[in-house]
């Protein structure tokens, strides 16, 4: 029988709105490729649809330059 993630991982993740992110961890030729995949996942934003009509997604941080945030926005929309 399958169990739902909140039941397996604990309510702490979901109460703080820290949702698990799916990451491919198999099929890499070497450890460097796996490391690159994990770093990419850690630096990404994961979008989950909620129940309301409004959504927001983080595309930048305060220390980033305008061009960097713009580039991140274009990637998020594409």
N, C-alpha and C. Protein backbone atom coordinates (compact mmCIF):
# COMPACT_ATOMS: atom_id res chain seq x y z
N UNK A 1 0.84 -1.17 0.00
CA UNK A 1 0.00 0.00 0.00
C UNK A 1 0.89 1.24 0.00
N UNK A 2 0.55 2.21 -0.82
CA UNK A 2 1.31 3.45 -0.92
C UNK A 2 0.87 4.42 0.17
N UNK A 3 1.83 5.17 0.69
CA UNK A 3 1.53 6.20 1.68
C UNK A 3 1.83 7.56 1.07
N UNK A 4 1.13 8.54 1.52
CA UNK A 4 1.32 9.90 1.03
C UNK A 4 2.58 10.50 1.67
N UNK A 5 3.22 11.44 0.98
CA UNK A 5 4.46 12.03 1.47
C UNK A 5 4.33 12.70 2.84
N UNK A 6 3.26 13.47 3.12
CA UNK A 6 3.19 14.08 4.45
C UNK A 6 3.23 13.06 5.57
N UNK A 7 2.61 11.93 5.33
CA UNK A 7 2.59 10.87 6.34
C UNK A 7 3.98 10.27 6.54
N UNK A 8 4.73 10.12 5.45
CA UNK A 8 6.06 9.52 5.53
C UNK A 8 7.13 10.50 6.01
N UNK A 9 7.07 11.73 5.55
CA UNK A 9 8.14 12.69 5.83
C UNK A 9 7.89 13.51 7.09
N UNK A 10 6.67 13.60 7.50
CA UNK A 10 6.36 14.38 8.68
C UNK A 10 5.75 15.71 8.33
N UNK A 11 4.92 16.20 9.23
CA UNK A 11 4.18 17.43 8.96
C UNK A 11 5.07 18.67 8.99
N UNK A 12 6.30 18.57 9.53
CA UNK A 12 7.18 19.74 9.62
C UNK A 12 7.48 20.33 8.25
N UNK A 13 7.69 19.47 7.24
CA UNK A 13 7.97 19.96 5.89
C UNK A 13 6.80 20.78 5.37
N UNK A 14 5.61 20.27 5.54
CA UNK A 14 4.44 20.90 4.96
C UNK A 14 3.95 22.09 5.77
N UNK A 15 4.13 22.08 7.06
CA UNK A 15 3.70 23.22 7.87
C UNK A 15 4.58 24.44 7.60
N UNK A 16 5.82 24.24 7.21
CA UNK A 16 6.73 25.34 6.88
C UNK A 16 6.77 25.62 5.38
N UNK A 17 5.85 24.96 4.63
CA UNK A 17 5.78 25.08 3.17
C UNK A 17 7.10 24.73 2.50
N UNK A 18 7.77 23.71 3.01
CA UNK A 18 9.00 23.17 2.41
C UNK A 18 8.63 21.84 1.78
N UNK A 19 8.29 21.88 0.51
CA UNK A 19 7.83 20.68 -0.18
C UNK A 19 9.01 19.93 -0.77
N UNK A 20 8.95 18.62 -0.81
CA UNK A 20 10.05 17.84 -1.42
C UNK A 20 10.12 18.11 -2.92
N UNK A 21 11.32 18.13 -3.43
CA UNK A 21 11.56 18.39 -4.84
C UNK A 21 12.04 17.11 -5.51
N UNK A 22 11.40 16.68 -6.60
CA UNK A 22 11.87 15.46 -7.28
C UNK A 22 13.21 15.72 -7.97
N UNK A 23 14.17 14.83 -7.76
CA UNK A 23 15.50 14.96 -8.34
C UNK A 23 15.92 13.59 -8.89
N UNK A 24 16.37 13.57 -10.13
CA UNK A 24 16.88 12.34 -10.72
C UNK A 24 18.26 12.07 -10.13
N UNK A 25 18.47 10.90 -9.54
CA UNK A 25 19.76 10.58 -8.92
C UNK A 25 20.37 9.30 -9.47
N UNK A 26 19.85 8.80 -10.59
CA UNK A 26 20.43 7.59 -11.17
C UNK A 26 20.69 7.80 -12.67
N UNK A 27 21.53 6.97 -13.23
CA UNK A 27 21.82 7.02 -14.66
C UNK A 27 22.92 7.99 -15.05
N UNK A 28 23.71 8.45 -14.11
CA UNK A 28 24.80 9.37 -14.43
C UNK A 28 26.08 8.58 -14.64
N UNK A 29 26.94 9.10 -15.50
CA UNK A 29 28.18 8.40 -15.83
C UNK A 29 29.23 8.51 -14.73
N UNK A 30 29.21 9.62 -14.01
CA UNK A 30 30.20 9.80 -12.94
C UNK A 30 29.62 10.69 -11.84
N UNK A 31 30.38 10.82 -10.78
CA UNK A 31 29.92 11.58 -9.62
C UNK A 31 29.80 13.07 -9.91
N UNK A 32 30.59 13.59 -10.83
CA UNK A 32 30.52 15.01 -11.18
C UNK A 32 29.17 15.37 -11.80
N UNK A 33 28.64 14.48 -12.66
CA UNK A 33 27.33 14.72 -13.27
C UNK A 33 26.23 14.71 -12.21
N UNK A 34 26.30 13.78 -11.28
CA UNK A 34 25.33 13.73 -10.19
C UNK A 34 25.43 14.98 -9.32
N UNK A 35 26.65 15.40 -9.03
CA UNK A 35 26.86 16.61 -8.24
C UNK A 35 26.26 17.83 -8.94
N UNK A 36 26.46 17.93 -10.25
CA UNK A 36 25.90 19.04 -11.02
C UNK A 36 24.37 19.02 -10.96
N UNK A 37 23.78 17.83 -11.06
CA UNK A 37 22.32 17.69 -10.99
C UNK A 37 21.79 18.13 -9.63
N UNK A 38 22.45 17.73 -8.56
CA UNK A 38 22.02 18.10 -7.21
C UNK A 38 22.19 19.60 -6.97
N UNK A 39 23.28 20.18 -7.45
CA UNK A 39 23.49 21.62 -7.30
C UNK A 39 22.44 22.41 -8.08
N UNK A 40 22.09 21.92 -9.26
CA UNK A 40 21.07 22.58 -10.07
C UNK A 40 19.72 22.53 -9.35
N UNK A 41 19.38 21.39 -8.76
CA UNK A 41 18.12 21.26 -8.03
C UNK A 41 18.10 22.16 -6.80
N UNK A 42 19.22 22.26 -6.11
CA UNK A 42 19.29 23.09 -4.90
C UNK A 42 19.15 24.57 -5.22
N UNK A 43 19.56 24.97 -6.42
CA UNK A 43 19.50 26.37 -6.80
C UNK A 43 18.21 26.72 -7.54
N UNK A 44 17.33 25.76 -7.72
CA UNK A 44 16.11 25.97 -8.49
C UNK A 44 14.92 26.30 -7.58
N UNK A 45 13.85 26.72 -8.22
CA UNK A 45 12.59 26.96 -7.54
C UNK A 45 11.61 25.92 -8.03
N UNK A 46 10.86 25.31 -7.11
CA UNK A 46 9.88 24.30 -7.46
C UNK A 46 8.50 24.91 -7.30
N UNK A 47 7.69 24.86 -8.33
CA UNK A 47 6.38 25.49 -8.34
C UNK A 47 5.29 24.44 -8.12
N UNK A 48 4.43 24.69 -7.14
CA UNK A 48 3.29 23.80 -6.90
C UNK A 48 2.01 24.62 -6.98
N UNK A 49 1.04 24.11 -7.70
CA UNK A 49 -0.24 24.79 -7.80
C UNK A 49 -0.99 24.69 -6.48
N UNK A 50 -1.53 25.80 -6.05
CA UNK A 50 -2.34 25.82 -4.85
C UNK A 50 -3.81 25.84 -5.19
N UNK A 51 -4.64 26.23 -4.24
CA UNK A 51 -6.08 26.25 -4.46
C UNK A 51 -6.61 27.62 -4.86
N UNK A 52 -5.84 28.65 -4.70
CA UNK A 52 -6.30 30.00 -4.98
C UNK A 52 -6.02 30.46 -6.40
N UNK A 53 -6.51 31.66 -6.74
CA UNK A 53 -6.31 32.18 -8.09
C UNK A 53 -4.98 32.90 -8.29
N UNK A 54 -4.25 33.17 -7.22
CA UNK A 54 -2.98 33.90 -7.31
C UNK A 54 -1.81 33.00 -6.97
N UNK A 55 -0.73 33.17 -7.73
CA UNK A 55 0.47 32.38 -7.51
C UNK A 55 1.68 33.28 -7.52
N UNK A 56 2.70 32.91 -6.80
CA UNK A 56 3.95 33.65 -6.84
C UNK A 56 5.10 32.65 -6.90
N UNK A 57 6.19 33.10 -7.48
CA UNK A 57 7.37 32.25 -7.58
C UNK A 57 8.59 33.15 -7.39
N UNK A 58 9.56 32.66 -6.67
CA UNK A 58 10.76 33.43 -6.38
C UNK A 58 11.72 33.29 -7.57
N UNK A 59 12.15 34.43 -8.10
CA UNK A 59 13.06 34.41 -9.25
C UNK A 59 14.37 35.12 -8.99
N UNK A 60 14.55 35.67 -7.79
CA UNK A 60 15.79 36.37 -7.51
C UNK A 60 15.97 36.63 -6.03
N UNK A 61 17.14 37.12 -5.71
CA UNK A 61 17.48 37.48 -4.34
C UNK A 61 17.93 38.93 -4.32
N UNK A 62 17.93 39.53 -3.16
CA UNK A 62 18.23 40.96 -3.06
C UNK A 62 19.65 41.32 -3.48
N UNK A 63 20.58 40.40 -3.36
CA UNK A 63 21.96 40.71 -3.73
C UNK A 63 22.23 40.59 -5.22
N UNK A 64 21.27 40.08 -5.99
CA UNK A 64 21.47 39.91 -7.43
C UNK A 64 21.26 41.23 -8.17
N UNK A 65 21.93 41.35 -9.29
CA UNK A 65 21.79 42.53 -10.13
C UNK A 65 20.50 42.42 -10.95
N UNK A 66 20.05 43.57 -11.48
CA UNK A 66 18.81 43.62 -12.25
C UNK A 66 18.83 42.65 -13.43
N UNK A 67 19.95 42.58 -14.13
CA UNK A 67 20.05 41.70 -15.29
C UNK A 67 19.92 40.23 -14.90
N UNK A 68 20.48 39.86 -13.76
CA UNK A 68 20.39 38.48 -13.29
C UNK A 68 18.95 38.11 -12.97
N UNK A 69 18.24 39.01 -12.29
CA UNK A 69 16.83 38.76 -11.95
C UNK A 69 16.00 38.70 -13.23
N UNK A 70 16.29 39.57 -14.19
CA UNK A 70 15.60 39.54 -15.47
C UNK A 70 15.80 38.23 -16.20
N UNK A 71 17.04 37.75 -16.20
CA UNK A 71 17.36 36.47 -16.85
C UNK A 71 16.63 35.32 -16.15
N UNK A 72 16.60 35.35 -14.81
CA UNK A 72 15.89 34.33 -14.06
C UNK A 72 14.39 34.35 -14.37
N UNK A 73 13.84 35.56 -14.50
CA UNK A 73 12.42 35.70 -14.81
C UNK A 73 12.10 35.11 -16.17
N UNK A 74 12.95 35.40 -17.16
CA UNK A 74 12.72 34.83 -18.50
C UNK A 74 12.81 33.31 -18.49
N UNK A 75 13.75 32.76 -17.72
CA UNK A 75 13.86 31.31 -17.63
C UNK A 75 12.65 30.70 -16.93
N UNK A 76 12.14 31.37 -15.91
CA UNK A 76 10.97 30.87 -15.18
C UNK A 76 9.73 30.88 -16.06
N UNK A 77 9.62 31.86 -16.94
CA UNK A 77 8.46 31.94 -17.82
C UNK A 77 8.55 31.01 -19.02
N UNK A 78 9.77 30.62 -19.37
CA UNK A 78 9.97 29.81 -20.58
C UNK A 78 9.90 28.39 -20.37
